[in-house]
């Protein structure tokens, strides 16, 4: 398997309010490593506040670590132009944000920044995520939450990234829209980008993950194939998390 993205010894501290409401330096990530391989769905799993989204945002420099390194195809991302990096490592956020204008304009936004004015690919990428071609000319403000999330995925795919980062992409969706996004994730890796996805939903991780990183209180607890993480041989702390019996320290 070819390594697509590798993180080493990532540390991040942020001032968070303590029990008195005063800011207190809190370690969000504590020497976290991870490796995502080409053509897989890599799921970052963990309870709320475990550092999942912070880690994901670091992978395309929406946040930067206090220390540690991240490599894309073997190259330190600090050596890459940020715009180039974000074309190669796309991002889909938890709450879909769309641009004013038509669905077609939104999907092709990134391509037009590169002076690519071919309108043809809009329908192609819309179809990839299960978005009806009848919506291509509709205004984005008229879309449902599920349709908006599909547009954000299509827009990210239109930039033809090597890796697609997805932060809880189905958490705000109705069951039908959630299923369609999951279907896209399951079907895309054979012909699309490597997907690195954050979720706190254990059942969703079981359905989608080729490999899993489990974070608890900013620490890497386990990393490996889903069959191992969710199998009988899992460590005690992993079993406690999976059963919902893990006690997490509150700051």
C-alpha atoms as a PDB file:
ATOM      1  CA  UNK A   1       0.000   0.000   0.000  1.00  0.00           C
ATOM      2  CA  UNK A   2       1.195   3.482  -0.856  1.00  0.00           C
ATOM      3  CA  UNK A   3       1.273   6.041   1.932  1.00  0.00           C
ATOM      4  CA  UNK A   4      -0.745   9.127   0.980  1.00  0.00           C
ATOM      5  CA  UNK A   5      -0.580  11.105   4.190  1.00  0.00           C
ATOM      6  CA  UNK A   6       1.485  10.615   7.321  1.00  0.00           C
ATOM      7  CA  UNK A   7       1.496  12.578  10.590  1.00  0.00           C
ATOM      8  CA  UNK A   8       4.238  12.277  13.197  1.00  0.00           C
ATOM      9  CA  UNK A   9       4.275  13.421  16.828  1.00  0.00           C
ATOM     10  CA  UNK A  10       1.582  16.089  16.494  1.00  0.00           C
ATOM     11  CA  UNK A  11       1.100  18.275  19.558  1.00  0.00           C
ATOM     12  CA  UNK A  12      -1.458  21.061  19.948  1.00  0.00           C
ATOM     13  CA  UNK A  13      -2.297  23.108  23.041  1.00  0.00           C
ATOM     14  CA  UNK A  14      -5.173  25.598  23.251  1.00  0.00           C
ATOM     15  CA  UNK A  15      -6.423  27.884  26.041  1.00  0.00           C
ATOM     16  CA  UNK A  16      -9.746  26.380  27.124  1.00  0.00           C
ATOM     17  CA  UNK A  17     -11.924  27.449  30.068  1.00  0.00           C
ATOM     18  CA  UNK A  18     -11.445  25.451  33.267  1.00  0.00           C
ATOM     19  CA  UNK A  19     -14.154  24.804  35.884  1.00  0.00           C
ATOM     20  CA  UNK A  20     -13.938  28.413  37.022  1.00  0.00           C
ATOM     21  CA  UNK A  21     -14.338  29.720  33.484  1.00  0.00           C
ATOM     22  CA  UNK A  22     -10.749  30.935  33.267  1.00  0.00           C
ATOM     23  CA  UNK A  23      -8.606  30.038  30.224  1.00  0.00           C
ATOM     24  CA  UNK A  24      -6.263  27.170  30.952  1.00  0.00           C
ATOM     25  CA  UNK A  25      -3.652  25.686  28.570  1.00  0.00           C
ATOM     26  CA  UNK A  26      -5.091  22.339  27.502  1.00  0.00           C
ATOM     27  CA  UNK A  27      -3.327  19.736  25.372  1.00  0.00           C
ATOM     28  CA  UNK A  28      -5.728  18.962  22.529  1.00  0.00           C
ATOM     29  CA  UNK A  29      -3.365  16.539  20.762  1.00  0.00           C
ATOM     30  CA  UNK A  30      -0.592  14.699  22.548  1.00  0.00           C
ATOM     31  CA  UNK A  31       2.097  13.239  20.245  1.00  0.00           C
ATOM     32  CA  UNK A  32      -0.386  11.800  17.743  1.00  0.00           C
ATOM     33  CA  UNK A  33       0.783   9.700  14.777  1.00  0.00           C
ATOM     34  CA  UNK A  34      -1.319   8.434  11.874  1.00  0.00           C
ATOM     35  CA  UNK A  35      -0.885   7.045   8.362  1.00  0.00           C
ATOM     36  CA  UNK A  36      -3.521   7.017   5.614  1.00  0.00           C
ATOM     37  CA  UNK A  37      -2.957   4.867   2.527  1.00  0.00           C
ATOM     38  CA  UNK A  38      -4.021   5.300  -1.073  1.00  0.00           C
ATOM     39  CA  UNK A  39      -7.550   4.178  -1.907  1.00  0.00           C
ATOM     40  CA  UNK A  40      -8.926   3.723   1.597  1.00  0.00           C
ATOM     41  CA  UNK A  41     -11.514   5.220   3.920  1.00  0.00           C
ATOM     42  CA  UNK A  42      -9.585   6.203   7.037  1.00  0.00           C
ATOM     43  CA  UNK A  43     -11.851   7.067   9.968  1.00  0.00           C
ATOM     44  CA  UNK A  44     -10.783   9.205  12.922  1.00  0.00           C
ATOM     45  CA  UNK A  45     -13.036   8.058  15.750  1.00  0.00           C
ATOM     46  CA  UNK A  46     -13.443   9.211  19.314  1.00  0.00           C
ATOM     47  CA  UNK A  47     -15.701  10.876  21.878  1.00  0.00           C
ATOM     48  CA  UNK A  48     -16.543  14.572  21.814  1.00  0.00           C
ATOM     49  CA  UNK A  49     -13.528  16.683  22.733  1.00  0.00           C
ATOM     50  CA  UNK A  50     -10.943  14.055  21.832  1.00  0.00           C
ATOM     51  CA  UNK A  51      -9.168  16.242  19.236  1.00  0.00           C
ATOM     52  CA  UNK A  52     -10.604  14.649  16.085  1.00  0.00           C
ATOM     53  CA  UNK A  53     -11.530  17.836  14.247  1.00  0.00           C
ATOM     54  CA  UNK A  54      -8.340  19.612  15.314  1.00  0.00           C
ATOM     55  CA  UNK A  55      -6.306  16.765  13.808  1.00  0.00           C
ATOM     56  CA  UNK A  56      -8.349  16.795  10.601  1.00  0.00           C
ATOM     57  CA  UNK A  57      -7.948  20.565  10.179  1.00  0.00           C
ATOM     58  CA  UNK A  58      -4.179  20.222  10.542  1.00  0.00           C
ATOM     59  CA  UNK A  59      -4.009  17.916   7.549  1.00  0.00           C
ATOM     60  CA  UNK A  60      -4.549  20.821   5.139  1.00  0.00           C
ATOM     61  CA  UNK A  61      -3.197  23.587   7.410  1.00  0.00           C
ATOM     62  CA  UNK A  62      -6.475  25.087   8.568  1.00  0.00           C
ATOM     63  CA  UNK A  63      -4.683  24.705  11.895  1.00  0.00           C
ATOM     64  CA  UNK A  64      -0.997  24.149  12.551  1.00  0.00           C
ATOM     65  CA  UNK A  65       0.542  21.962  15.260  1.00  0.00           C
ATOM     66  CA  UNK A  66       2.770  23.332  17.998  1.00  0.00           C
ATOM     67  CA  UNK A  67       5.188  20.565  17.042  1.00  0.00           C
ATOM     68  CA  UNK A  68       5.280  17.517  14.794  1.00  0.00           C
ATOM     69  CA  UNK A  69       5.218  16.981  11.036  1.00  0.00           C
ATOM     70  CA  UNK A  70       2.713  16.058   8.327  1.00  0.00           C
ATOM     71  CA  UNK A  71       3.735  14.543   4.982  1.00  0.00           C
ATOM     72  CA  UNK A  72       1.688  14.341   1.777  1.00  0.00           C
ATOM     73  CA  UNK A  73       3.042  11.784  -0.694  1.00  0.00           C
ATOM     74  CA  UNK A  74       6.312  11.935   1.232  1.00  0.00           C
ATOM     75  CA  UNK A  75       6.647  15.740   1.104  1.00  0.00           C
ATOM     76  CA  UNK A  76       6.490  17.885   4.243  1.00  0.00           C
ATOM     77  CA  UNK A  77       3.345  19.996   3.808  1.00  0.00           C
ATOM     78  CA  UNK A  78       5.258  23.000   5.175  1.00  0.00           C
ATOM     79  CA  UNK A  79       7.168  22.933   1.886  1.00  0.00           C
ATOM     80  CA  UNK A  80       3.971  23.222  -0.171  1.00  0.00           C
ATOM     81  CA  UNK A  81       2.124  26.380  -1.144  1.00  0.00           C
ATOM     82  CA  UNK A  82      -1.086  26.480   0.920  1.00  0.00           C
ATOM     83  CA  UNK A  83      -3.300  26.878  -2.160  1.00  0.00           C
ATOM     84  CA  UNK A  84      -1.619  23.908  -3.828  1.00  0.00           C
ATOM     85  CA  UNK A  85      -1.989  21.861  -0.628  1.00  0.00           C
ATOM     86  CA  UNK A  86      -5.708  22.575  -0.344  1.00  0.00           C
ATOM     87  CA  UNK A  87      -6.297  21.581  -3.947  1.00  0.00           C
ATOM     88  CA  UNK A  88      -4.629  18.261  -3.217  1.00  0.00           C
ATOM     89  CA  UNK A  89      -6.266  17.840   0.197  1.00  0.00           C
ATOM     90  CA  UNK A  90      -9.904  18.953  -0.047  1.00  0.00           C
ATOM     91  CA  UNK A  91     -12.195  19.562   2.919  1.00  0.00           C
ATOM     92  CA  UNK A  92     -15.900  18.971   3.546  1.00  0.00           C
ATOM     93  CA  UNK A  93     -17.137  20.574   6.752  1.00  0.00           C
ATOM     94  CA  UNK A  94     -19.777  19.378   9.203  1.00  0.00           C
ATOM     95  CA  UNK A  95     -22.156  22.230   8.375  1.00  0.00           C
ATOM     96  CA  UNK A  96     -22.415  22.701   4.591  1.00  0.00           C
ATOM     97  CA  UNK A  97     -21.482  26.187   3.395  1.00  0.00           C
ATOM     98  CA  UNK A  98     -22.477  27.077  -0.160  1.00  0.00           C
ATOM     99  CA  UNK A  99     -21.787  30.144  -2.290  1.00  0.00           C
ATOM    100  CA  UNK A 100     -24.465  32.458  -3.656  1.00  0.00           C
ATOM    101  CA  UNK A 101     -25.530  31.609  -7.176  1.00  0.00           C
ATOM    102  CA  UNK A 102     -26.402  28.394  -8.950  1.00  0.00           C
ATOM    103  CA  UNK A 103     -25.400  24.863  -8.019  1.00  0.00           C
ATOM    104  CA  UNK A 104     -23.254  24.753 -11.154  1.00  0.00           C
ATOM    105  CA  UNK A 105     -21.422  27.948 -10.148  1.00  0.00           C
ATOM    106  CA  UNK A 106     -20.764  26.523  -6.684  1.00  0.00           C
ATOM    107  CA  UNK A 107     -19.425  23.179  -7.897  1.00  0.00           C
ATOM    108  CA  UNK A 108     -17.072  24.843 -10.381  1.00  0.00           C
ATOM    109  CA  UNK A 109     -15.893  27.599  -8.018  1.00  0.00           C
ATOM    110  CA  UNK A 110     -12.423  26.170  -7.397  1.00  0.00           C
ATOM    111  CA  UNK A 111     -11.851  25.251 -11.029  1.00  0.00           C
ATOM    112  CA  UNK A 112     -12.647  28.795 -12.130  1.00  0.00           C
ATOM    113  CA  UNK A 113     -10.047  30.138  -9.725  1.00  0.00           C
ATOM    114  CA  UNK A 114      -7.612  28.165 -11.883  1.00  0.00           C
ATOM    115  CA  UNK A 115      -9.043  29.771 -15.062  1.00  0.00           C
ATOM    116  CA  UNK A 116     -10.806  26.551 -16.047  1.00  0.00           C
ATOM    117  CA  UNK A 117     -14.151  27.724 -17.443  1.00  0.00           C
ATOM    118  CA  UNK A 118     -15.380  24.408 -18.839  1.00  0.00           C
ATOM    119  CA  UNK A 119     -18.935  23.994 -17.484  1.00  0.00           C
ATOM    120  CA  UNK A 120     -19.203  20.343 -18.470  1.00  0.00           C
ATOM    121  CA  UNK A 121     -17.747  18.781 -15.314  1.00  0.00           C
ATOM    122  CA  UNK A 122     -20.453  20.250 -13.024  1.00  0.00           C
ATOM    123  CA  UNK A 123     -23.052  17.637 -13.988  1.00  0.00           C
ATOM    124  CA  UNK A 124     -20.434  14.879 -13.779  1.00  0.00           C
ATOM    125  CA  UNK A 125     -19.435  15.701 -10.200  1.00  0.00           C
ATOM    126  CA  UNK A 126     -23.053  16.300  -9.198  1.00  0.00           C
ATOM    127  CA  UNK A 127     -23.905  12.819 -10.462  1.00  0.00           C
ATOM    128  CA  UNK A 128     -20.967  11.318  -8.559  1.00  0.00           C
ATOM    129  CA  UNK A 129     -22.480  12.373  -5.222  1.00  0.00           C
ATOM    130  CA  UNK A 130     -26.056  11.492  -6.202  1.00  0.00           C
ATOM    131  CA  UNK A 131     -27.230  15.041  -6.865  1.00  0.00           C
ATOM    132  CA  UNK A 132     -29.979  15.257  -9.481  1.00  0.00           C
ATOM    133  CA  UNK A 133     -28.981  16.907 -12.756  1.00  0.00           C
ATOM    134  CA  UNK A 134     -32.243  18.837 -12.495  1.00  0.00           C
ATOM    135  CA  UNK A 135     -30.693  20.844  -9.661  1.00  0.00           C
ATOM    136  CA  UNK A 136     -27.681  22.111 -11.623  1.00  0.00           C
ATOM    137  CA  UNK A 137     -29.324  25.431 -12.484  1.00  0.00           C
ATOM    138  CA  UNK A 138     -31.116  25.892  -9.175  1.00  0.00           C
ATOM    139  CA  UNK A 139     -29.991  28.600  -6.739  1.00  0.00           C
ATOM    140  CA  UNK A 140     -28.070  27.157  -3.781  1.00  0.00           C
ATOM    141  CA  UNK A 141     -30.252  29.067  -1.300  1.00  0.00           C
ATOM    142  CA  UNK A 142     -33.196  26.907  -2.411  1.00  0.00           C
ATOM    143  CA  UNK A 143     -31.527  23.608  -1.492  1.00  0.00           C
ATOM    144  CA  UNK A 144     -32.173  21.371   1.505  1.00  0.00           C
ATOM    145  CA  UNK A 145     -29.396  20.678   4.023  1.00  0.00           C
ATOM    146  CA  UNK A 146     -28.752  17.292   2.428  1.00  0.00           C
ATOM    147  CA  UNK A 147     -28.555  18.781  -1.058  1.00  0.00           C
ATOM    148  CA  UNK A 148     -26.185  21.508   0.164  1.00  0.00           C
ATOM    149  CA  UNK A 149     -23.884  18.887   1.671  1.00  0.00           C
ATOM    150  CA  UNK A 150     -23.808  17.026  -1.642  1.00  0.00           C
ATOM    151  CA  UNK A 151     -22.893  20.288  -3.397  1.00  0.00           C
ATOM    152  CA  UNK A 152     -19.973  20.850  -1.000  1.00  0.00           C
ATOM    153  CA  UNK A 153     -18.718  17.321  -1.686  1.00  0.00           C
ATOM    154  CA  UNK A 154     -19.079  17.805  -5.444  1.00  0.00           C
ATOM    155  CA  UNK A 155     -17.211  21.139  -5.214  1.00  0.00           C
ATOM    156  CA  UNK A 156     -14.354  19.462  -3.349  1.00  0.00           C
ATOM    157  CA  UNK A 157     -14.227  16.622  -5.901  1.00  0.00           C
ATOM    158  CA  UNK A 158     -14.196  19.099  -8.805  1.00  0.00           C
ATOM    159  CA  UNK A 159     -10.730  20.182  -7.665  1.00  0.00           C
ATOM    160  CA  UNK A 160      -9.622  16.550  -8.203  1.00  0.00           C
ATOM    161  CA  UNK A 161      -7.923  16.162  -4.805  1.00  0.00           C
ATOM    162  CA  UNK A 162      -5.635  13.308  -3.802  1.00  0.00           C
ATOM    163  CA  UNK A 163      -7.317  13.226  -0.391  1.00  0.00           C
ATOM    164  CA  UNK A 164     -10.772  14.307   0.749  1.00  0.00           C
ATOM    165  CA  UNK A 165     -11.158  15.304   4.413  1.00  0.00           C
ATOM    166  CA  UNK A 166     -14.694  14.986   5.805  1.00  0.00           C
ATOM    167  CA  UNK A 167     -15.667  16.340   9.237  1.00  0.00           C
ATOM    168  CA  UNK A 168     -18.816  14.608  10.532  1.00  0.00           C
ATOM    169  CA  UNK A 169     -20.321  14.983   7.034  1.00  0.00           C
ATOM    170  CA  UNK A 170     -23.659  13.339   7.876  1.00  0.00           C
ATOM    171  CA  UNK A 171     -24.284  14.520  11.438  1.00  0.00           C
ATOM    172  CA  UNK A 172     -26.806  17.223  10.438  1.00  0.00           C
ATOM    173  CA  UNK A 173     -28.579  15.209   7.720  1.00  0.00           C
ATOM    174  CA  UNK A 174     -31.840  13.296   7.578  1.00  0.00           C
ATOM    175  CA  UNK A 175     -31.555   9.468   7.281  1.00  0.00           C
ATOM    176  CA  UNK A 176     -32.031   9.429   3.488  1.00  0.00           C
ATOM    177  CA  UNK A 177     -29.378  12.092   2.835  1.00  0.00           C
ATOM    178  CA  UNK A 178     -27.062  10.395   5.325  1.00  0.00           C
ATOM    179  CA  UNK A 179     -27.387   7.096   3.472  1.00  0.00           C
ATOM    180  CA  UNK A 180     -26.611   8.721   0.128  1.00  0.00           C
ATOM    181  CA  UNK A 181     -23.446  10.379   1.458  1.00  0.00           C
ATOM    182  CA  UNK A 182     -22.376   7.058   2.999  1.00  0.00           C
ATOM    183  CA  UNK A 183     -23.020   5.306  -0.329  1.00  0.00           C
ATOM    184  CA  UNK A 184     -20.800   7.869  -2.049  1.00  0.00           C
ATOM    185  CA  UNK A 185     -18.016   7.296   0.499  1.00  0.00           C
ATOM    186  CA  UNK A 186     -18.178   3.509   0.125  1.00  0.00           C
ATOM    187  CA  UNK A 187     -18.239   3.629  -3.666  1.00  0.00           C
ATOM    188  CA  UNK A 188     -15.741   6.413  -4.295  1.00  0.00           C
ATOM    189  CA  UNK A 189     -12.451   5.068  -3.014  1.00  0.00           C
ATOM    190  CA  UNK A 190     -11.968   2.607  -5.861  1.00  0.00           C
ATOM    191  CA  UNK A 191     -11.985   5.444  -8.398  1.00  0.00           C
ATOM    192  CA  UNK A 192     -11.698   8.623  -6.345  1.00  0.00           C
ATOM    193  CA  UNK A 193      -9.567  10.190  -3.627  1.00  0.00           C
ATOM    194  CA  UNK A 194      -8.462   8.651  -0.355  1.00  0.00           C
ATOM    195  CA  UNK A 195     -11.010   9.702   2.261  1.00  0.00           C
ATOM    196  CA  UNK A 196     -10.108  10.716   5.811  1.00  0.00           C
ATOM    197  CA  UNK A 197     -13.267  11.138   7.832  1.00  0.00           C
ATOM    198  CA  UNK A 198     -14.072  12.228  11.388  1.00  0.00           C
ATOM    199  CA  UNK A 199     -16.998  10.690  13.226  1.00  0.00           C
ATOM    200  CA  UNK A 200     -18.086   9.934  16.789  1.00  0.00           C
ATOM    201  CA  UNK A 201     -20.603   7.382  15.461  1.00  0.00           C
ATOM    202  CA  UNK A 202     -19.212   3.898  16.088  1.00  0.00           C
ATOM    203  CA  UNK A 203     -21.795   2.186  13.869  1.00  0.00           C
ATOM    204  CA  UNK A 204     -20.971   4.526  10.988  1.00  0.00           C
ATOM    205  CA  UNK A 205     -17.266   3.813  11.442  1.00  0.00           C
ATOM    206  CA  UNK A 206     -17.986   0.092  11.314  1.00  0.00           C
ATOM    207  CA  UNK A 207     -19.908   0.516   8.064  1.00  0.00           C
ATOM    208  CA  UNK A 208     -17.358   2.682   6.283  1.00  0.00           C
ATOM    209  CA  UNK A 209     -13.833   2.326   7.662  1.00  0.00           C
ATOM    210  CA  UNK A 210     -11.039   0.384   6.046  1.00  0.00           C
ATOM    211  CA  UNK A 211      -8.767   1.602   8.836  1.00  0.00           C
ATOM    212  CA  UNK A 212      -9.434   3.474  12.080  1.00  0.00           C
ATOM    213  CA  UNK A 213      -7.597   5.860  14.384  1.00  0.00           C
ATOM    214  CA  UNK A 214      -9.146   6.063  17.854  1.00  0.00           C
ATOM    215  CA  UNK A 215      -8.425   9.245  19.816  1.00  0.00           C
ATOM    216  CA  UNK A 216      -9.293   9.647  23.483  1.00  0.00           C
ATOM    217  CA  UNK A 217      -8.438  12.856  25.355  1.00  0.00           C
ATOM    218  CA  UNK A 218      -6.028  13.870  22.602  1.00  0.00           C
ATOM    219  CA  UNK A 219      -4.063  10.634  22.686  1.00  0.00           C
ATOM    220  CA  UNK A 220      -3.848   7.910  20.081  1.00  0.00           C
ATOM    221  CA  UNK A 221      -5.307   4.799  21.675  1.00  0.00           C
ATOM    222  CA  UNK A 222      -5.399   2.526  18.641  1.00  0.00           C
ATOM    223  CA  UNK A 223      -4.827   2.534  14.878  1.00  0.00           C
ATOM    224  CA  UNK A 224      -5.401  -0.293  12.455  1.00  0.00           C
ATOM    225  CA  UNK A 225      -7.856  -2.123  10.207  1.00  0.00           C
ATOM    226  CA  UNK A 226     -11.477  -1.820  11.220  1.00  0.00           C
ATOM    227  CA  UNK A 227     -11.658  -5.602  11.619  1.00  0.00           C
ATOM    228  CA  UNK A 228      -9.001  -5.376  14.355  1.00  0.00           C
ATOM    229  CA  UNK A 229     -10.265  -2.235  16.083  1.00  0.00           C
ATOM    230  CA  UNK A 230     -13.804  -3.592  16.287  1.00  0.00           C
ATOM    231  CA  UNK A 231     -12.790  -7.235  16.807  1.00  0.00           C
ATOM    232  CA  UNK A 232     -12.635  -9.435  19.868  1.00  0.00           C
ATOM    233  CA  UNK A 233      -8.910  -8.784  20.313  1.00  0.00           C
ATOM    234  CA  UNK A 234      -9.347  -5.050  20.963  1.00  0.00           C
ATOM    235  CA  UNK A 235      -7.738  -3.559  24.066  1.00  0.00           C
ATOM    236  CA  UNK A 236      -9.774  -2.910  27.205  1.00  0.00           C
ATOM    237  CA  UNK A 237      -9.933   0.862  26.701  1.00  0.00           C
ATOM    238  CA  UNK A 238     -11.119   0.380  23.107  1.00  0.00           C
ATOM    239  CA  UNK A 239     -13.810  -2.023  24.286  1.00  0.00           C
ATOM    240  CA  UNK A 240     -14.904   0.474  26.941  1.00  0.00           C
ATOM    241  CA  UNK A 241     -15.273   3.196  24.322  1.00  0.00           C
ATOM    242  CA  UNK A 242     -17.124   0.950  21.888  1.00  0.00           C
ATOM    243  CA  UNK A 243     -19.547  -0.156  24.607  1.00  0.00           C
ATOM    244  CA  UNK A 244     -20.163   3.438  25.754  1.00  0.00           C
ATOM    245  CA  UNK A 245     -18.691   2.782  29.201  1.00  0.00           C
ATOM    246  CA  UNK A 246     -15.575   4.915  28.892  1.00  0.00           C
ATOM    247  CA  UNK A 247     -15.224   7.638  31.522  1.00  0.00           C
ATOM    248  CA  UNK A 248     -13.609  10.708  29.972  1.00  0.00           C
ATOM    249  CA  UNK A 249     -11.903  13.255  32.212  1.00  0.00           C
ATOM    250  CA  UNK A 250     -13.544  16.668  32.153  1.00  0.00           C
ATOM    251  CA  UNK A 251     -11.356  19.742  32.300  1.00  0.00           C
END
